[in-house]
Amino acid sequence: MLEIIALIYLSRRIGLLAIQKGLKPLTWKLYTIAAWIICEIIGMCIAYALFGQNIFSIMSIALTAAFGGYLLVRAILEKKPDIDNDIDSIGTGDHNPTSGS
């Protein structure tokens, strides 16, 4: 249950970051959920191979791997450029330091 709450919270944060970057938030929220689930399954498989049927170890490593999936999506999204609203004022003389004299 806590895992679902964490996923919802982190997806919202990714959505806000996507808006800041000028991208569609729903797409990046879905990427976050997909990365979370895929990395969690990979973490479970690795933990099962290493520790056998020790459920605490499997759950711990799976949750850590799932959070790593979120961090992966966030890192990719943070590399994208922010929205630059100054593009509309190019050529108007607003950016020319010598135009004031």
Protein backbone atom coordinates (compact mmCIF):
# COMPACT_ATOMS: atom_id res chain seq x y z
CA MET A 1 0.00 0.00 0.00
CA LEU A 2 2.78 2.43 0.86
CA GLU A 3 4.44 1.56 -2.40
CA ILE A 4 1.37 2.70 -4.35
CA ILE A 5 1.22 5.96 -2.41
CA ALA A 6 4.91 6.57 -3.11
CA LEU A 7 4.40 5.84 -6.80
CA ILE A 8 1.49 8.29 -7.01
CA TYR A 9 3.50 11.00 -5.24
CA LEU A 10 6.57 10.47 -7.41
CA SER A 11 4.49 10.40 -10.60
CA ARG A 12 3.00 13.77 -9.69
CA ARG A 13 6.47 15.19 -9.17
CA ILE A 14 7.55 13.87 -12.56
CA GLY A 15 4.45 15.46 -14.09
CA LEU A 16 5.37 18.85 -12.64
CA LEU A 17 8.92 18.51 -13.91
CA ALA A 18 7.61 17.59 -17.37
CA ILE A 19 5.44 20.71 -17.41
CA GLN A 20 8.47 22.79 -16.46
CA LYS A 21 10.31 21.27 -19.42
CA GLY A 22 7.39 21.91 -21.78
CA LEU A 23 6.57 18.22 -22.26
CA LYS A 24 3.36 16.23 -21.83
CA PRO A 25 3.04 15.24 -18.16
CA LEU A 26 0.87 12.17 -18.77
CA THR A 27 3.48 10.60 -21.02
CA TRP A 28 6.22 11.04 -18.42
CA LYS A 29 3.95 9.79 -15.63
CA LEU A 30 3.35 6.62 -17.65
CA TYR A 31 7.10 6.29 -18.26
CA THR A 32 7.61 6.56 -14.49
CA ILE A 33 5.04 3.88 -13.71
CA ALA A 34 6.44 1.56 -16.39
CA ALA A 35 10.03 2.06 -15.20
CA TRP A 36 8.95 1.47 -11.60
CA ILE A 37 7.22 -1.82 -12.41
CA ILE A 38 9.92 -3.10 -14.77
CA CYS A 39 12.74 -2.29 -12.37
CA GLU A 40 10.80 -3.79 -9.48
CA ILE A 41 10.39 -7.08 -11.36
CA ILE A 42 14.07 -7.09 -12.30
CA GLY A 43 14.96 -6.42 -8.66
CA MET A 44 12.74 -9.30 -7.52
CA CYS A 45 14.38 -11.69 -9.96
CA ILE A 46 17.88 -10.68 -8.90
CA ALA A 47 16.98 -10.90 -5.20
CA TYR A 48 15.39 -14.31 -5.66
CA ALA A 49 18.51 -15.55 -7.46
CA LEU A 50 20.75 -14.23 -4.69
CA PHE A 51 18.72 -14.94 -1.54
CA GLY A 52 16.27 -17.69 -2.47
CA GLN A 53 12.87 -17.43 -0.85
CA ASN A 54 13.76 -14.86 1.82
CA ILE A 55 10.77 -12.56 1.31
CA PHE A 56 12.19 -9.61 3.28
CA SER A 57 15.31 -9.51 1.12
CA ILE A 58 13.30 -9.85 -2.07
CA MET A 59 10.94 -7.03 -1.11
CA SER A 60 13.77 -4.75 0.02
CA ILE A 61 15.78 -5.13 -3.16
CA ALA A 62 12.67 -4.92 -5.35
CA LEU A 63 11.60 -1.64 -3.74
CA THR A 64 15.11 -0.23 -4.06
CA ALA A 65 15.23 -1.20 -7.73
CA ALA A 66 11.78 0.32 -8.30
CA PHE A 67 12.93 3.63 -6.82
CA GLY A 68 15.93 3.37 -9.12
CA GLY A 69 13.50 3.23 -12.04
CA TYR A 70 11.97 6.50 -10.88
CA LEU A 71 15.43 8.04 -10.55
CA LEU A 72 16.27 6.90 -14.08
CA VAL A 73 13.21 8.61 -15.55
CA ARG A 74 13.88 11.75 -13.50
CA ALA A 75 17.49 11.89 -14.68
CA ILE A 76 16.40 11.61 -18.32
CA LEU A 77 13.77 14.31 -17.84
CA GLU A 78 16.17 16.66 -16.03
CA LYS A 79 18.54 16.54 -19.03
CA LYS A 80 15.83 18.01 -21.26
CA PRO A 81 15.99 21.81 -21.70
CA ASP A 82 13.57 24.05 -19.82
CA ILE A 83 10.97 26.15 -21.61
CA ASP A 84 12.59 29.34 -22.84
CA ASN A 85 10.00 32.07 -23.27
CA ASP A 86 12.62 34.56 -24.46
CA ILE A 87 12.52 33.09 -27.97
CA ASP A 88 9.54 35.32 -28.82
CA SER A 89 11.50 38.51 -28.15
CA ILE A 90 14.42 37.75 -30.47
CA GLY A 91 14.93 40.55 -32.95
CA THR A 92 12.97 43.14 -31.00
CA GLY A 93 16.04 44.85 -29.58
CA ASP A 94 15.21 43.89 -25.99
CA HIS A 95 18.39 41.86 -25.66
CA ASN A 96 20.73 44.40 -27.28
CA PRO A 97 22.69 46.21 -24.52
CA THR A 98 23.58 49.11 -26.83
CA SER A 99 20.02 49.92 -27.87
CA GLY A 100 19.40 52.02 -24.77
CA SER A 101 21.89 54.76 -25.70
